[in-house]
Amino acid sequence: MLLSPVRGTISRNFTQPQKERTGMIKSAAARTPHTDLDPIDRLEEKVKRLVDLIAQMRADQAKSAEANARLGQEITALRARLAEAESAATEITALRDEREIIRTRVAEMLEQLEAI
């Protein structure tokens, strides 16, 4: 049993309030079409922002990948230069040692010549 909204009495007809309720929903929708679209508009705006954010993140990722590849090449080149520098340093040390040996021999020869 339902209370009739008009008379305040109990109504035995169960289909009528449903029709009234459906009519009220339709009339509410007809009165406020803009407010029903607001959540959809907000959702659409959020989706657009997310799509833009994803596009920006992909662009940033591509830039980062390019920078990473470039820096990897720089690291390889710097390692090669470091290896060359270490090789040159080893060679310089060997040449200095050889020069010291030659100086010592020359000094010994000069002493022998002075002794004659």
N, C-alpha and C. Protein backbone atom coordinates (compact mmCIF):
# COMPACT_ATOMS: atom_id res chain seq x y z
N MET A 1 0.84 -1.17 0.00
CA MET A 1 0.00 0.00 0.00
C MET A 1 0.89 1.24 0.00
N LEU A 2 0.54 2.15 -0.83
CA LEU A 2 1.31 3.37 -0.94
C LEU A 2 0.44 4.57 -0.64
N LEU A 3 1.06 5.62 -0.13
CA LEU A 3 0.32 6.86 0.09
C LEU A 3 0.22 7.60 -1.22
N SER A 4 -0.94 8.05 -1.54
CA SER A 4 -1.13 8.82 -2.74
C SER A 4 -0.54 10.21 -2.52
N PRO A 5 0.29 10.69 -3.40
CA PRO A 5 0.92 11.99 -3.20
C PRO A 5 -0.07 13.15 -3.27
N VAL A 6 -1.16 12.96 -3.94
CA VAL A 6 -2.11 14.06 -4.11
C VAL A 6 -3.06 14.13 -2.93
N ARG A 7 -3.66 13.03 -2.54
CA ARG A 7 -4.71 13.07 -1.54
C ARG A 7 -4.20 12.72 -0.14
N GLY A 8 -3.05 12.09 -0.04
CA GLY A 8 -2.56 11.69 1.27
C GLY A 8 -3.24 10.45 1.79
N THR A 9 -3.87 9.72 0.90
CA THR A 9 -4.56 8.49 1.30
C THR A 9 -3.81 7.30 0.76
N ILE A 10 -4.18 6.13 1.21
CA ILE A 10 -3.54 4.90 0.78
C ILE A 10 -4.11 4.51 -0.57
N SER A 11 -3.24 4.25 -1.51
CA SER A 11 -3.65 3.85 -2.85
C SER A 11 -3.38 2.36 -3.03
N ARG A 12 -4.33 1.65 -3.63
CA ARG A 12 -4.16 0.22 -3.87
C ARG A 12 -3.63 -0.04 -5.28
N ASN A 13 -3.51 0.95 -6.06
CA ASN A 13 -3.03 0.81 -7.43
C ASN A 13 -1.51 1.00 -7.41
N PHE A 14 -0.76 -0.08 -7.63
CA PHE A 14 0.71 -0.02 -7.54
C PHE A 14 1.36 0.48 -8.81
N THR A 15 0.69 0.44 -9.92
CA THR A 15 1.28 0.87 -11.18
C THR A 15 1.27 2.37 -11.33
N GLN A 16 0.31 3.02 -10.79
CA GLN A 16 0.20 4.47 -10.93
C GLN A 16 1.39 5.20 -10.31
N PRO A 17 1.82 4.89 -9.08
CA PRO A 17 2.97 5.61 -8.54
C PRO A 17 4.24 5.40 -9.36
N GLN A 18 4.39 4.21 -9.95
CA GLN A 18 5.56 3.98 -10.79
C GLN A 18 5.51 4.87 -12.02
N LYS A 19 4.33 5.02 -12.61
CA LYS A 19 4.21 5.90 -13.76
C LYS A 19 4.50 7.33 -13.36
N GLU A 20 3.99 7.70 -12.20
CA GLU A 20 4.24 9.06 -11.72
C GLU A 20 5.73 9.25 -11.46
N ARG A 21 6.35 8.25 -10.87
CA ARG A 21 7.78 8.33 -10.57
C ARG A 21 8.58 8.43 -11.87
N THR A 22 8.23 7.61 -12.85
CA THR A 22 8.91 7.66 -14.14
C THR A 22 8.68 9.01 -14.79
N GLY A 23 7.49 9.52 -14.69
CA GLY A 23 7.19 10.83 -15.25
C GLY A 23 7.97 11.91 -14.54
N MET A 24 8.13 11.76 -13.22
CA MET A 24 8.90 12.76 -12.47
C MET A 24 10.36 12.73 -12.90
N ILE A 25 10.90 11.53 -13.14
CA ILE A 25 12.30 11.41 -13.55
C ILE A 25 12.48 12.03 -14.93
N LYS A 26 11.54 11.74 -15.84
CA LYS A 26 11.63 12.31 -17.17
C LYS A 26 11.52 13.82 -17.12
N SER A 27 10.59 14.32 -16.30
CA SER A 27 10.42 15.76 -16.25
C SER A 27 11.64 16.41 -15.59
N ALA A 28 12.26 15.74 -14.63
CA ALA A 28 13.47 16.29 -14.00
C ALA A 28 14.61 16.32 -15.01
N ALA A 29 14.67 15.27 -15.84
CA ALA A 29 15.71 15.24 -16.87
C ALA A 29 15.46 16.31 -17.91
N ALA A 30 14.20 16.55 -18.23
CA ALA A 30 13.87 17.57 -19.21
C ALA A 30 14.16 18.96 -18.67
N ARG A 31 14.00 19.13 -17.37
CA ARG A 31 14.25 20.45 -16.77
C ARG A 31 15.74 20.75 -16.66
N THR A 32 16.56 19.74 -16.46
CA THR A 32 17.98 19.97 -16.23
C THR A 32 18.86 19.14 -17.17
N PRO A 33 18.78 19.36 -18.45
CA PRO A 33 19.62 18.57 -19.36
C PRO A 33 21.10 18.93 -19.20
N HIS A 34 21.38 20.15 -18.83
CA HIS A 34 22.77 20.59 -18.69
C HIS A 34 23.44 19.93 -17.49
N THR A 35 22.74 19.80 -16.41
CA THR A 35 23.35 19.21 -15.22
C THR A 35 23.63 17.74 -15.40
N ASP A 36 22.84 17.03 -16.21
CA ASP A 36 23.11 15.62 -16.48
C ASP A 36 24.36 15.47 -17.33
N LEU A 37 24.67 16.46 -18.14
CA LEU A 37 25.85 16.39 -19.00
C LEU A 37 27.11 16.85 -18.29
N ASP A 38 26.97 17.56 -17.20
CA ASP A 38 28.15 18.04 -16.49
C ASP A 38 29.11 16.93 -16.09
N PRO A 39 28.66 15.84 -15.50
CA PRO A 39 29.62 14.77 -15.17
C PRO A 39 30.28 14.18 -16.42
N ILE A 40 29.52 14.09 -17.50
CA ILE A 40 30.09 13.57 -18.75
C ILE A 40 31.13 14.55 -19.29
N ASP A 41 30.80 15.83 -19.23
CA ASP A 41 31.76 16.85 -19.69
C ASP A 41 33.02 16.83 -18.85
N ARG A 42 32.85 16.69 -17.54
CA ARG A 42 34.03 16.63 -16.67
C ARG A 42 34.85 15.39 -16.98
N LEU A 43 34.18 14.28 -17.20
CA LEU A 43 34.87 13.04 -17.54
C LEU A 43 35.61 13.19 -18.87
N GLU A 44 34.94 13.80 -19.83
CA GLU A 44 35.56 14.03 -21.13
C GLU A 44 36.81 14.90 -20.99
N GLU A 45 36.70 15.93 -20.18
CA GLU A 45 37.84 16.82 -19.97
C GLU A 45 38.99 16.07 -19.30
N LYS A 46 38.66 15.24 -18.33
CA LYS A 46 39.69 14.45 -17.66
C LYS A 46 40.36 13.48 -18.62
N VAL A 47 39.57 12.85 -19.48
CA VAL A 47 40.12 11.92 -20.46
C VAL A 47 41.03 12.66 -21.43
N LYS A 48 40.60 13.84 -21.87
CA LYS A 48 41.44 14.65 -22.77
C LYS A 48 42.75 15.02 -22.10
N ARG A 49 42.68 15.42 -20.83
CA ARG A 49 43.90 15.76 -20.11
C ARG A 49 44.81 14.55 -19.97
N LEU A 50 44.21 13.38 -19.71
CA LEU A 50 45.01 12.16 -19.60
C LEU A 50 45.68 11.81 -20.93
N VAL A 51 44.94 11.97 -22.02
CA VAL A 51 45.50 11.70 -23.34
C VAL A 51 46.66 12.65 -23.61
N ASP A 52 46.47 13.93 -23.30
CA ASP A 52 47.55 14.91 -23.46
C ASP A 52 48.74 14.57 -22.59
N LEU A 53 48.46 14.15 -21.36
CA LEU A 53 49.54 13.78 -20.44
C LEU A 53 50.30 12.57 -20.96
N ILE A 54 49.59 11.60 -21.48
CA ILE A 54 50.24 10.41 -22.04
C ILE A 54 51.09 10.79 -23.25
N ALA A 55 50.56 11.65 -24.10
CA ALA A 55 51.32 12.10 -25.27
C ALA A 55 52.59 12.83 -24.82
N GLN A 56 52.47 13.68 -23.82
CA GLN A 56 53.64 14.41 -23.31
C GLN A 56 54.65 13.44 -22.70
N MET A 57 54.15 12.47 -21.96
CA MET A 57 55.05 11.49 -21.34
C MET A 57 55.77 10.66 -22.40
N ARG A 58 55.06 10.31 -23.47
CA ARG A 58 55.71 9.56 -24.56
C ARG A 58 56.78 10.40 -25.23
N ALA A 59 56.49 11.67 -25.44
CA ALA A 59 57.49 12.56 -26.03
C ALA A 59 58.70 12.68 -25.11
N ASP A 60 58.44 12.84 -23.82
CA ASP A 60 59.53 12.93 -22.85
C ASP A 60 60.34 11.63 -22.83
N GLN A 61 59.64 10.50 -22.94
CA GLN A 61 60.33 9.21 -22.94
C GLN A 61 61.21 9.09 -24.18
N ALA A 62 60.71 9.53 -25.33
CA ALA A 62 61.49 9.49 -26.56
C ALA A 62 62.74 10.36 -26.43
N LYS A 63 62.56 11.56 -25.87
CA LYS A 63 63.71 12.44 -25.66
C LYS A 63 64.71 11.81 -24.70
N SER A 64 64.21 11.19 -23.66
CA SER A 64 65.09 10.53 -22.69
C SER A 64 65.83 9.37 -23.33
N ALA A 65 65.15 8.62 -24.18
CA ALA A 65 65.80 7.50 -24.87
C ALA A 65 66.90 8.00 -25.80
N GLU A 66 66.63 9.10 -26.51
CA GLU A 66 67.65 9.68 -27.38
C GLU A 66 68.84 10.17 -26.56
N ALA A 67 68.56 10.85 -25.47
CA ALA A 67 69.64 11.34 -24.61
C ALA A 67 70.42 10.17 -24.02
N ASN A 68 69.72 9.12 -23.65
CA ASN A 68 70.37 7.94 -23.09
C ASN A 68 71.30 7.31 -24.13
N ALA A 69 70.84 7.19 -25.36
CA ALA A 69 71.68 6.62 -26.43
C ALA A 69 72.90 7.50 -26.67
N ARG A 70 72.67 8.81 -26.71
CA ARG A 70 73.78 9.74 -26.95
C ARG A 70 74.80 9.65 -25.82
N LEU A 71 74.30 9.62 -24.58
CA LEU A 71 75.21 9.54 -23.44
C LEU A 71 75.94 8.20 -23.40
N GLY A 72 75.27 7.14 -23.84
CA GLY A 72 75.93 5.84 -23.93
C GLY A 72 77.10 5.88 -24.90
N GLN A 73 76.89 6.55 -26.04
CA GLN A 73 77.97 6.70 -27.03
C GLN A 73 79.10 7.54 -26.45
N GLU A 74 78.75 8.60 -25.72
CA GLU A 74 79.78 9.44 -25.10
C GLU A 74 80.59 8.64 -24.09
N ILE A 75 79.91 7.81 -23.32
CA ILE A 75 80.60 6.98 -22.32
C ILE A 75 81.58 6.04 -23.03
N THR A 76 81.13 5.42 -24.12
CA THR A 76 82.01 4.52 -24.87
C THR A 76 83.23 5.27 -25.39
N ALA A 77 83.00 6.47 -25.95
CA ALA A 77 84.12 7.27 -26.46
C ALA A 77 85.06 7.68 -25.33
N LEU A 78 84.51 8.06 -24.18
CA LEU A 78 85.35 8.47 -23.06
C LEU A 78 86.14 7.29 -22.49
N ARG A 79 85.54 6.11 -22.49
CA ARG A 79 86.27 4.92 -22.03
C ARG A 79 87.44 4.63 -22.96
N ALA A 80 87.21 4.79 -24.26
CA ALA A 80 88.30 4.58 -25.22
C ALA A 80 89.42 5.60 -25.00
N ARG A 81 89.03 6.85 -24.77
CA ARG A 81 90.05 7.88 -24.50
C ARG A 81 90.80 7.59 -23.21
N LEU A 82 90.08 7.12 -22.20
CA LEU A 82 90.71 6.78 -20.93
C LEU A 82 91.70 5.64 -21.11
N ALA A 83 91.32 4.64 -21.90
CA ALA A 83 92.23 3.52 -22.17
C ALA A 83 93.48 4.02 -22.89
N GLU A 84 93.28 4.92 -23.86
CA GLU A 84 94.43 5.50 -24.58
C GLU A 84 95.31 6.29 -23.62
N ALA A 85 94.69 7.06 -22.74
CA ALA A 85 95.46 7.87 -21.78
C ALA A 85 96.23 6.97 -20.82
N GLU A 86 95.59 5.89 -20.35
CA GLU A 86 96.29 4.97 -19.46
C GLU A 86 97.45 4.30 -20.17
N SER A 87 97.23 3.96 -21.45
CA SER A 87 98.31 3.36 -22.24
C SER A 87 99.45 4.36 -22.42
N ALA A 88 99.10 5.61 -22.69
CA ALA A 88 100.13 6.65 -22.86
C ALA A 88 100.87 6.86 -21.54
N ALA A 89 100.14 6.85 -20.42
CA ALA A 89 100.78 7.03 -19.12
C ALA A 89 101.75 5.88 -18.83
N THR A 90 101.35 4.67 -19.18
CA THR A 90 102.23 3.50 -18.98
C THR A 90 103.47 3.64 -19.86
N GLU A 91 103.27 4.09 -21.09
CA GLU A 91 104.39 4.27 -22.01
C GLU A 91 105.33 5.37 -21.50
N ILE A 92 104.76 6.45 -21.01
CA ILE A 92 105.58 7.55 -20.47
C ILE A 92 106.40 7.06 -19.28
N THR A 93 105.79 6.27 -18.40
CA THR A 93 106.51 5.73 -17.25
C THR A 93 107.65 4.83 -17.71
N ALA A 94 107.39 4.01 -18.71
CA ALA A 94 108.43 3.12 -19.24
C ALA A 94 109.57 3.93 -19.86
N LEU A 95 109.20 5.00 -20.61
CA LEU A 95 110.23 5.85 -21.23
C LEU A 95 111.06 6.58 -20.17
N ARG A 96 110.43 7.04 -19.10
CA ARG A 96 111.17 7.71 -18.02
C ARG A 96 112.13 6.74 -17.34
N ASP A 97 111.65 5.52 -17.12
CA ASP A 97 112.54 4.52 -16.51
C ASP A 97 113.73 4.24 -17.43
N GLU A 98 113.45 4.12 -18.74
CA GLU A 98 114.52 3.87 -19.71
C GLU A 98 115.49 5.05 -19.75
N ARG A 99 114.97 6.26 -19.67
CA ARG A 99 115.84 7.45 -19.67
C ARG A 99 116.74 7.44 -18.44
N GLU A 100 116.21 7.06 -17.31
CA GLU A 100 117.00 7.00 -16.07
C GLU A 100 118.11 5.95 -16.19
N ILE A 101 117.78 4.83 -16.81
CA ILE A 101 118.80 3.79 -17.02
C ILE A 101 119.90 4.31 -17.94
N ILE A 102 119.51 5.01 -19.00
CA ILE A 102 120.49 5.57 -19.94
C ILE A 102 121.36 6.60 -19.25
N ARG A 103 120.76 7.46 -18.41
CA ARG A 103 121.54 8.46 -17.66
C ARG A 103 122.57 7.78 -16.77
N THR A 104 122.13 6.74 -16.12
CA THR A 104 123.05 6.02 -15.23
C THR A 104 124.21 5.43 -16.03
N ARG A 105 123.92 4.83 -17.17
CA ARG A 105 124.99 4.25 -18.01
C ARG A 105 125.94 5.33 -18.53
N VAL A 106 125.34 6.44 -18.98
CA VAL A 106 126.18 7.54 -19.49
C VAL A 106 127.06 8.07 -18.36
N ALA A 107 126.51 8.21 -17.16
CA ALA A 107 127.30 8.70 -16.03
C ALA A 107 128.43 7.72 -15.73
N GLU A 108 128.17 6.42 -15.80
CA GLU A 108 129.21 5.43 -15.57
C GLU A 108 130.30 5.49 -16.64
N MET A 109 129.88 5.69 -17.92
CA MET A 109 130.85 5.81 -19.00
C MET A 109 131.72 7.04 -18.82
N LEU A 110 131.09 8.15 -18.39
CA LEU A 110 131.87 9.38 -18.18
C LEU A 110 132.88 9.18 -17.05
N GLU A 111 132.50 8.48 -16.01
CA GLU A 111 133.42 8.21 -14.92
C GLU A 111 134.60 7.34 -15.39
N GLN A 112 134.26 6.38 -16.26
CA GLN A 112 135.34 5.51 -16.80
C GLN A 112 136.28 6.31 -17.68
N LEU A 113 135.70 7.23 -18.46
CA LEU A 113 136.56 8.07 -19.33
C LEU A 113 137.44 9.00 -18.50
N GLU A 114 136.94 9.50 -17.42
CA GLU A 114 137.73 10.39 -16.56
C GLU A 114 138.84 9.59 -15.87
N ALA A 115 138.53 8.33 -15.62
CA ALA A 115 139.53 7.49 -14.95
C ALA A 115 140.68 7.16 -15.89
N ILE A 116 140.51 7.20 -17.16
CA ILE A 116 141.58 6.87 -18.12
C ILE A 116 142.54 7.98 -18.24
